[in-house]
Amino acid sequence: MDPQTDRKNGRLFLWANLLIYLAAPVLYVGVIQAALCDKLGASAAVANFPATGYFMGSFAPIIFACFIPHRWDRRLVVLTGALMAGLLAMVAMMLFLPMSNQVRIAAVVSQSLVLGLLNSVSGVYLYQCLGQSTTEAGRSRALKTTFTIAPLAAVVGSLLAQFILRGGIPHLSFSQDFGILYLIGVPCMGIYAWCGSQIEMSPIKEEARPPFFSSLRDSFRHYFRSRDLVLLLLAYLLLNCTLMAMPNLSLYTRKAMGREPAEFSGVVLALRFGCKALAGYGLGMLNMRYGVRAPLLATAALLGLSLVWAWAVPGYLYLAAFGLMGAGELDGAYFTNTVLTWSSPVYVIRDMSILNLAAAAAGPAASIHGILTDHWGFSASFIFGITTAVVALVLLFKLPKQNAPSNTGHS
């Protein structure tokens, strides 16, 4: 890979993520959807269903990885981007048309499941494209630059969402204000698809693929032979359970600040992604200086601390919990980068897809947070999230410090 192409592909990765972040209010399912369902009359448990559906859609990449040839890697990024644009347009239409609240809640929940499926496939294959189109040094540079700059686009998108939801556009009624947010995501995902089509990738030698179920069995057997990859999977599962408290944090605004969650949805997202931008630079430096484990430990600590802060600090300072959680939310990027660093080219897409199953397995945790809140209050939800973060930290300390797994032969 010549340096010019290496940098060009890194910039395309940056632009693709920048567009995702610009549409963050609707693509990062959780806060906005919880506020929308809450205003539509849903309970705390139901308001968490969109996040549950979104993360449960993360099972999809392993299915694709077992039968899609490598020459389709880039095409999948393009195709899923285009489909997400169409899906967001459909939801916007349903929010503009006169429909019952029950139908709208069902639409938001079901759309979140499909969006989770498409977004998880697109995300895994975008990282696969990054791995095939950059050197290891170029990938580290791209990750640091991307997650320092791109989250700033989410701050812009979040402040725009706050402006719209607080009545900034005259004569725009509920639920049309939420519909506008979905419409903004449509061109973002269309351009995202175009960025994916421009990536120049090094070819991977295609091998004869066994039947689907044989390939699936081989993928899991290969992954679970590695103690370090198994620990990585378990830690990622637990941290996603912690992250599933995000919609509940939004609902807790009513108790912590005495205000409606929808009033602060945009500010919450701006804090979430502004702090993510700040953390993006620091985590990138940790990765480059201390190896792949360091940013994993940092993100786990940030996620646990966010819930401790939310539980302990009232008033406007409570909102800092969203900043801490946003910074810790970069765990997905660095867990994926760890697999890219450790795995062989033949297995890397399947290894990333299996890691991604942790997000699907953690999907019900959003509903667990909601159920705990409905029955025992928000404190029960916070205890659950803090506990999963602490256990994840213990598991991550068992991983090797450097950029090679200790006993796998993956590198």
Protein backbone atom coordinates (compact mmCIF):
# COMPACT_ATOMS: atom_id res chain seq x y z
CA MET A 1 0.00 0.00 0.00
CA ASP A 2 1.64 3.25 -1.15
CA PRO A 3 1.51 6.17 1.32
CA GLN A 4 -0.79 8.30 -0.84
CA THR A 5 -3.43 5.57 -1.13
CA ASP A 6 -2.98 4.73 2.55
CA ARG A 7 -3.86 8.29 3.53
CA LYS A 8 -6.68 8.59 0.98
CA ASN A 9 -8.41 5.52 2.38
CA GLY A 10 -7.95 6.84 5.91
CA ARG A 11 -9.65 10.08 4.86
CA LEU A 12 -12.56 8.18 3.31
CA PHE A 13 -12.96 6.28 6.60
CA LEU A 14 -12.99 9.65 8.37
CA TRP A 15 -15.65 11.08 6.06
CA ALA A 16 -17.83 7.97 6.28
CA ASN A 17 -17.79 8.16 10.08
CA LEU A 18 -18.30 11.92 10.06
CA LEU A 19 -21.56 11.41 8.14
CA ILE A 20 -22.66 8.69 10.57
CA TYR A 21 -22.02 11.05 13.46
CA LEU A 22 -23.86 13.92 11.77
CA ALA A 23 -26.93 11.67 11.68
CA ALA A 24 -26.23 10.42 15.22
CA PRO A 25 -29.59 11.50 16.71
CA VAL A 26 -31.32 8.81 14.66
CA LEU A 27 -28.47 6.38 13.88
CA TYR A 28 -27.29 6.01 17.49
CA VAL A 29 -30.53 4.51 18.70
CA GLY A 30 -31.28 5.22 22.35
CA VAL A 31 -31.73 8.76 23.66
CA ILE A 32 -33.90 10.30 20.93
CA GLN A 33 -35.96 7.15 20.47
CA ALA A 34 -36.52 6.82 24.24
CA ALA A 35 -37.65 10.44 24.42
CA LEU A 36 -39.94 9.95 21.39
CA CYS A 37 -41.55 6.81 22.83
CA ASP A 38 -41.87 8.53 26.21
CA LYS A 39 -43.80 11.42 24.63
CA LEU A 40 -45.95 8.89 22.79
CA GLY A 41 -47.00 7.47 26.17
CA ALA A 42 -44.75 4.41 26.48
CA SER A 43 -43.51 3.03 29.83
CA ALA A 44 -39.81 3.04 30.75
CA ALA A 45 -39.48 -0.59 29.65
CA VAL A 46 -41.11 0.08 26.26
CA ALA A 47 -39.09 3.29 25.78
CA ASN A 48 -35.97 1.09 26.03
CA PHE A 49 -37.23 -1.36 23.36
CA PRO A 50 -35.73 0.58 20.41
CA ALA A 51 -32.24 0.27 21.92
CA THR A 52 -32.89 -3.43 22.59
CA GLY A 53 -33.98 -4.03 19.00
CA TYR A 54 -31.07 -2.03 17.61
CA PHE A 55 -28.43 -4.02 19.45
CA MET A 56 -30.14 -7.35 18.81
CA GLY A 57 -29.71 -6.65 15.10
CA SER A 58 -25.96 -7.01 15.63
CA PHE A 59 -26.16 -10.78 15.01
CA ALA A 60 -26.23 -10.18 11.23
CA PRO A 61 -22.50 -9.76 10.33
CA ILE A 62 -21.55 -13.36 11.15
CA ILE A 63 -24.27 -14.60 8.77
CA PHE A 64 -22.88 -12.49 5.94
CA ALA A 65 -19.25 -13.31 6.77
CA CYS A 66 -19.85 -17.04 6.29
CA PHE A 67 -21.06 -16.87 2.71
CA ILE A 68 -20.21 -13.44 1.21
CA PRO A 69 -16.91 -13.54 -0.75
CA HIS A 70 -14.25 -10.93 0.01
CA ARG A 71 -14.79 -9.20 -3.33
CA TRP A 72 -18.17 -8.07 -1.94
CA ASP A 73 -16.72 -6.37 1.15
CA ARG A 74 -16.88 -2.86 -0.29
CA ARG A 75 -20.22 -3.44 -2.03
CA LEU A 76 -21.84 -4.34 1.29
CA VAL A 77 -20.81 -0.98 2.76
CA VAL A 78 -22.42 0.76 -0.23
CA LEU A 79 -25.57 -1.38 -0.20
CA THR A 80 -26.24 -1.12 3.52
CA GLY A 81 -25.67 2.65 3.44
CA ALA A 82 -28.25 3.04 0.68
CA LEU A 83 -30.76 0.82 2.51
CA MET A 84 -30.36 2.79 5.73
CA ALA A 85 -31.10 6.00 3.82
CA GLY A 86 -34.34 4.45 2.56
CA LEU A 87 -35.29 3.15 6.01
CA LEU A 88 -34.83 6.56 7.65
CA ALA A 89 -37.00 8.14 4.93
CA MET A 90 -39.79 5.63 5.64
CA VAL A 91 -39.78 6.37 9.39
CA ALA A 92 -39.84 10.11 8.72
CA MET A 93 -42.90 9.62 6.52
CA MET A 94 -44.71 7.70 9.29
CA LEU A 95 -43.99 10.49 11.78
CA PHE A 96 -45.42 13.09 9.41
CA LEU A 97 -48.56 11.14 8.51
CA PRO A 98 -51.53 11.03 10.91
CA MET A 99 -51.24 7.73 12.79
CA SER A 100 -51.98 6.44 16.28
CA ASN A 101 -49.30 6.58 18.98
CA GLN A 102 -49.31 2.78 19.22
CA VAL A 103 -48.52 2.45 15.50
CA ARG A 104 -45.74 5.01 15.76
CA ILE A 105 -44.18 3.25 18.77
CA ALA A 106 -44.31 -0.06 16.88
CA ALA A 107 -42.70 1.60 13.84
CA VAL A 108 -39.86 3.12 15.89
CA VAL A 109 -39.15 -0.19 17.66
CA SER A 110 -39.25 -2.35 14.50
CA GLN A 111 -37.21 0.19 12.52
CA SER A 112 -34.57 0.13 15.23
CA LEU A 113 -34.17 -3.65 14.83
CA VAL A 114 -33.71 -3.39 11.04
CA LEU A 115 -31.43 -0.38 11.43
CA GLY A 116 -29.34 -2.34 13.93
CA LEU A 117 -29.01 -5.18 11.43
CA LEU A 118 -27.95 -2.89 8.57
CA ASN A 119 -25.70 -0.69 10.70
CA SER A 120 -23.87 -3.63 12.26
CA VAL A 121 -23.15 -5.18 8.85
CA SER A 122 -22.08 -1.83 7.46
CA GLY A 123 -19.86 -1.09 10.46
CA VAL A 124 -18.04 -4.44 10.43
CA TYR A 125 -17.44 -4.29 6.69
CA LEU A 126 -16.29 -0.68 6.87
CA TYR A 127 -13.60 -1.78 9.34
CA GLN A 128 -12.78 -4.70 7.05
CA CYS A 129 -12.32 -2.21 4.22
CA LEU A 130 -10.09 -0.10 6.48
CA GLY A 131 -7.99 -3.16 7.30
CA GLN A 132 -7.62 -4.08 3.61
CA SER A 133 -6.87 -0.53 2.47
CA THR A 134 -4.36 0.79 5.04
CA THR A 135 -1.16 -0.25 6.76
CA GLU A 136 -1.21 -0.90 10.52
CA ALA A 137 0.36 2.52 11.12
CA GLY A 138 -2.10 4.09 8.71
CA ARG A 139 -5.01 2.42 10.50
CA SER A 140 -3.87 3.70 13.89
CA ARG A 141 -3.52 7.19 12.44
CA ALA A 142 -6.96 6.95 10.81
CA LEU A 143 -8.60 5.84 14.07
CA LYS A 144 -7.03 8.68 16.06
CA THR A 145 -7.97 11.32 13.47
CA THR A 146 -11.46 9.95 12.84
CA PHE A 147 -12.53 9.70 16.45
CA THR A 148 -11.10 13.10 17.28
CA ILE A 149 -12.80 14.95 14.41
CA ALA A 150 -15.90 12.95 13.43
CA PRO A 151 -17.71 13.17 16.81
CA LEU A 152 -17.70 16.95 16.40
CA ALA A 153 -20.19 16.41 13.56
CA ALA A 154 -22.40 14.64 16.08
CA VAL A 155 -22.22 17.71 18.31
CA VAL A 156 -23.51 19.78 15.38
CA GLY A 157 -26.25 17.22 14.66
CA SER A 158 -27.18 17.03 18.33
CA LEU A 159 -27.43 20.79 18.80
CA LEU A 160 -29.54 20.94 15.65
CA ALA A 161 -31.76 18.23 17.16
CA GLN A 162 -32.03 20.27 20.37
CA PHE A 163 -33.00 23.36 18.36
CA ILE A 164 -35.70 21.46 16.47
CA LEU A 165 -37.12 19.61 19.49
CA ARG A 166 -37.31 22.82 21.54
CA GLY A 167 -39.59 24.40 18.90
CA GLY A 168 -36.95 26.19 16.83
CA ILE A 169 -38.92 25.70 13.61
CA PRO A 170 -42.24 27.58 13.85
CA HIS A 171 -45.49 25.67 13.28
CA LEU A 172 -43.72 22.31 13.45
CA SER A 173 -45.75 20.06 15.72
CA PHE A 174 -44.96 16.83 17.54
CA SER A 175 -44.17 14.25 15.99
CA GLN A 176 -43.09 16.17 12.88
CA ASP A 177 -40.14 17.58 14.82
CA PHE A 178 -38.79 14.07 15.34
CA GLY A 179 -39.56 13.29 11.69
CA ILE A 180 -37.23 16.11 10.59
CA LEU A 181 -34.38 14.43 12.49
CA TYR A 182 -34.92 11.26 10.50
CA LEU A 183 -35.00 13.21 7.23
CA ILE A 184 -31.60 14.75 8.01
CA GLY A 185 -30.15 11.24 8.16
CA VAL A 186 -31.26 10.37 4.62
CA PRO A 187 -28.66 12.36 2.59
CA CYS A 188 -25.99 11.56 5.21
CA MET A 189 -26.32 7.84 4.55
CA GLY A 190 -26.52 8.36 0.80
CA ILE A 191 -23.15 10.15 0.79
CA TYR A 192 -21.80 7.55 3.24
CA ALA A 193 -22.55 4.89 0.61
CA TRP A 194 -20.64 6.90 -1.99
CA CYS A 195 -17.59 7.20 0.32
CA GLY A 196 -17.56 3.43 0.69
CA SER A 197 -17.52 2.99 -3.07
CA GLN A 198 -14.33 5.08 -3.38
CA ILE A 199 -12.11 3.02 -1.04
CA GLU A 200 -9.18 1.34 -2.84
CA MET A 201 -8.61 -2.08 -1.32
CA SER A 202 -5.84 -4.65 -1.50
CA PRO A 203 -7.28 -7.93 -2.78
CA ILE A 204 -7.56 -10.94 -0.49
CA LYS A 205 -7.09 -14.32 -2.09
CA GLU A 206 -10.47 -16.03 -2.28
CA GLU A 207 -10.58 -19.55 -0.90
CA ALA A 208 -13.12 -22.23 -1.60
CA ARG A 209 -15.85 -21.75 0.98
CA PRO A 210 -17.41 -24.74 2.71
CA PRO A 211 -21.21 -24.94 3.06
CA PHE A 212 -22.74 -22.24 5.25
CA PHE A 213 -23.16 -24.26 8.44
CA SER A 214 -19.69 -25.80 8.11
CA SER A 215 -18.23 -22.32 7.68
CA LEU A 216 -20.20 -21.07 10.68
CA ARG A 217 -18.99 -23.97 12.83
CA ASP A 218 -15.39 -23.45 11.71
CA SER A 219 -15.61 -19.73 12.50
CA PHE A 220 -16.76 -20.29 16.07
CA ARG A 221 -14.29 -23.15 16.63
CA HIS A 222 -11.44 -20.94 15.43
CA TYR A 223 -12.53 -17.99 17.56
CA PHE A 224 -13.09 -19.89 20.79
CA ARG A 225 -9.68 -21.60 20.60
CA SER A 226 -8.24 -18.22 21.59
CA ARG A 227 -8.39 -17.46 25.31
CA ASP A 228 -7.68 -13.79 24.65
CA LEU A 229 -10.41 -13.39 22.03
CA VAL A 230 -12.89 -15.09 24.37
CA LEU A 231 -11.97 -12.66 27.17
CA LEU A 232 -12.34 -9.82 24.68
CA LEU A 233 -15.82 -11.06 23.73
CA LEU A 234 -16.97 -11.40 27.35
CA ALA A 235 -15.65 -7.96 28.30
CA TYR A 236 -17.33 -6.40 25.26
CA LEU A 237 -20.61 -8.10 26.16
CA LEU A 238 -20.48 -6.71 29.71
CA LEU A 239 -19.58 -3.21 28.57
CA ASN A 240 -22.47 -3.22 26.13
CA CYS A 241 -24.73 -4.12 29.07
CA THR A 242 -23.40 -1.01 30.82
CA LEU A 243 -23.90 1.07 27.69
CA MET A 244 -27.51 -0.05 27.51
CA ALA A 245 -28.20 2.28 30.44
CA MET A 246 -27.99 5.25 28.05
CA PRO A 247 -31.77 5.50 27.36
CA ASN A 248 -32.42 5.18 31.09
CA LEU A 249 -30.00 8.03 31.76
CA SER A 250 -32.10 10.15 29.43
CA LEU A 251 -35.30 9.25 31.28
CA TYR A 252 -33.58 9.92 34.64
CA THR A 253 -33.30 13.58 33.61
CA ARG A 254 -36.84 14.04 34.93
CA LYS A 255 -35.73 13.00 38.43
CA ALA A 256 -32.22 14.50 38.46
CA MET A 257 -33.17 17.88 37.01
CA GLY A 258 -36.96 18.11 37.27
CA ARG A 259 -37.32 18.57 33.51
CA GLU A 260 -38.74 16.50 30.68
CA PRO A 261 -36.20 14.22 28.88
CA ALA A 262 -37.15 15.55 25.42
CA GLU A 263 -36.13 19.08 26.50
CA PHE A 264 -32.51 17.99 26.91
CA SER A 265 -32.17 15.30 24.22
CA GLY A 266 -30.06 17.51 21.96
CA VAL A 267 -27.86 18.79 24.80
CA VAL A 268 -27.36 15.23 26.00
CA LEU A 269 -26.20 14.13 22.56
CA ALA A 270 -23.95 17.18 22.18
CA LEU A 271 -22.22 16.37 25.49
CA ARG A 272 -22.04 12.71 24.56
CA PHE A 273 -20.26 13.33 21.28
CA GLY A 274 -18.27 16.38 22.31
CA CYS A 275 -16.60 14.35 25.03
CA LYS A 276 -16.19 11.50 22.57
CA ALA A 277 -14.17 13.84 20.34
CA LEU A 278 -11.94 14.81 23.26
CA ALA A 279 -11.50 11.16 24.21
CA GLY A 280 -10.83 10.19 20.60
CA TYR A 281 -7.46 11.91 20.61
CA GLY A 282 -6.45 10.59 24.04
CA LEU A 283 -7.48 7.01 23.29
CA GLY A 284 -5.65 7.17 19.96
CA MET A 285 -2.46 8.22 21.75
CA LEU A 286 -2.91 5.43 24.31
CA ASN A 287 -3.28 2.92 21.48
CA MET A 288 -0.20 4.14 19.63
CA ARG A 289 1.99 4.35 22.75
CA TYR A 290 0.85 1.48 24.98
CA GLY A 291 -0.81 -1.02 22.64
CA VAL A 292 -4.34 -2.25 22.09
CA ARG A 293 -5.23 -3.02 25.73
CA ALA A 294 -4.79 0.51 27.10
CA PRO A 295 -7.77 2.15 25.32
CA LEU A 296 -9.96 -0.84 26.23
CA LEU A 297 -9.24 -0.32 29.93
CA ALA A 298 -9.81 3.42 29.63
CA THR A 299 -13.22 3.06 27.93
CA ALA A 300 -14.37 0.47 30.49
CA ALA A 301 -13.43 2.80 33.34
CA LEU A 302 -15.23 5.73 31.70
CA LEU A 303 -18.44 3.74 31.23
CA GLY A 304 -18.50 2.60 34.84
CA LEU A 305 -17.70 6.10 36.10
CA SER A 306 -20.56 7.59 34.04
CA LEU A 307 -23.14 5.63 36.02
CA VAL A 308 -21.48 6.39 39.36
CA TRP A 309 -21.62 10.09 38.45
CA ALA A 310 -25.28 9.91 37.34
CA TRP A 311 -26.24 8.18 40.57
CA ALA A 312 -24.36 10.59 42.84
CA VAL A 313 -24.58 14.05 41.21
CA PRO A 314 -27.89 15.95 40.88
CA GLY A 315 -28.81 19.12 38.98
CA TYR A 316 -27.18 20.36 35.80
CA LEU A 317 -23.87 18.67 36.68
CA TYR A 318 -25.75 15.40 36.22
CA LEU A 319 -25.48 15.94 32.46
CA ALA A 320 -21.72 15.28 32.65
CA ALA A 321 -22.63 11.59 32.95
CA PHE A 322 -23.55 11.64 29.25
CA GLY A 323 -20.13 13.04 28.40
CA LEU A 324 -18.37 10.27 30.33
CA MET A 325 -20.54 7.63 28.70
CA GLY A 326 -19.95 9.14 25.26
CA ALA A 327 -16.19 8.96 25.78
CA GLY A 328 -16.46 5.35 26.93
CA GLU A 329 -18.64 4.54 23.93
CA LEU A 330 -15.50 4.46 21.79
CA ASP A 331 -14.93 0.98 23.20
CA GLY A 332 -16.52 -0.44 20.02
CA ALA A 333 -13.86 1.13 17.81
CA TYR A 334 -10.96 -0.16 19.88
CA PHE A 335 -12.36 -3.63 20.53
CA THR A 336 -12.77 -3.96 16.76
CA ASN A 337 -9.26 -2.62 16.19
CA THR A 338 -7.91 -5.24 18.59
CA VAL A 339 -9.43 -8.00 16.46
CA LEU A 340 -8.06 -6.35 13.29
CA THR A 341 -4.62 -6.32 14.92
CA TRP A 342 -4.71 -9.91 16.19
CA SER A 343 -6.53 -11.86 13.46
CA SER A 344 -5.25 -13.28 10.19
CA PRO A 345 -6.72 -11.84 6.94
CA VAL A 346 -8.59 -15.10 6.26
CA TYR A 347 -10.48 -15.01 9.55
CA VAL A 348 -10.58 -11.31 10.44
CA ILE A 349 -14.07 -10.53 9.08
CA ARG A 350 -15.50 -13.58 10.85
CA ASP A 351 -13.67 -12.76 14.08
CA MET A 352 -15.02 -9.20 14.00
CA SER A 353 -18.51 -10.54 13.29
CA ILE A 354 -18.36 -12.90 16.27
CA LEU A 355 -17.17 -10.05 18.49
CA ASN A 356 -20.13 -8.06 17.20
CA LEU A 357 -22.47 -10.74 18.55
CA ALA A 358 -21.71 -9.33 22.00
CA ALA A 359 -23.75 -6.26 21.07
CA ALA A 360 -26.66 -8.46 19.99
CA ALA A 361 -26.44 -10.53 23.18
CA ALA A 362 -26.43 -7.32 25.24
CA GLY A 363 -29.53 -5.99 23.47
CA PRO A 364 -31.97 -7.26 26.14
CA ALA A 365 -29.95 -5.37 28.76
CA ALA A 366 -31.70 -2.14 27.70
CA SER A 367 -35.03 -3.72 28.60
CA ILE A 368 -33.49 -5.10 31.81
CA HIS A 369 -32.51 -1.54 32.76
CA GLY A 370 -36.07 -0.44 32.04
CA ILE A 371 -37.65 -3.31 34.00
CA LEU A 372 -35.34 -2.74 36.97
CA THR A 373 -36.36 0.92 36.92
CA ASP A 374 -40.08 0.18 36.70
CA HIS A 375 -39.94 -2.21 39.68
CA TRP A 376 -37.13 -0.96 41.95
CA GLY A 377 -36.20 2.49 40.71
CA PHE A 378 -33.27 3.94 38.78
CA SER A 379 -30.77 2.91 41.47
CA ALA A 380 -31.25 -0.76 40.54
CA SER A 381 -30.41 0.04 36.92
CA PHE A 382 -27.28 1.95 37.94
CA ILE A 383 -26.06 -0.89 40.19
CA PHE A 384 -26.50 -3.36 37.33
CA GLY A 385 -24.52 -1.16 34.90
CA ILE A 386 -21.70 -0.42 37.35
CA THR A 387 -21.33 -4.12 38.19
CA THR A 388 -20.99 -5.15 34.52
CA ALA A 389 -18.36 -2.44 33.93
CA VAL A 390 -16.27 -3.56 36.93
CA VAL A 391 -16.33 -7.22 35.86
CA ALA A 392 -15.34 -6.17 32.32
CA LEU A 393 -12.34 -4.27 33.73
CA VAL A 394 -11.20 -7.38 35.60
CA LEU A 395 -11.36 -9.44 32.39
CA LEU A 396 -9.50 -6.82 30.35
CA PHE A 397 -6.61 -6.77 32.83
CA LYS A 398 -6.06 -10.43 31.92
CA LEU A 399 -5.28 -9.53 28.29
CA PRO A 400 -1.70 -9.03 27.09
CA LYS A 401 -0.45 -5.44 27.15
CA GLN A 402 1.10 -5.47 23.69
CA ASN A 403 -0.35 -5.88 20.21
CA ALA A 404 -0.14 -9.68 20.03
CA PRO A 405 -2.39 -12.25 21.72
CA SER A 406 -0.54 -14.48 24.14
CA ASN A 407 -1.63 -17.91 22.98
CA THR A 408 -3.65 -17.86 19.79
CA GLY A 409 -1.53 -17.83 16.68
CA HIS A 410 -3.91 -15.26 15.19
CA SER A 411 -1.27 -12.70 14.30
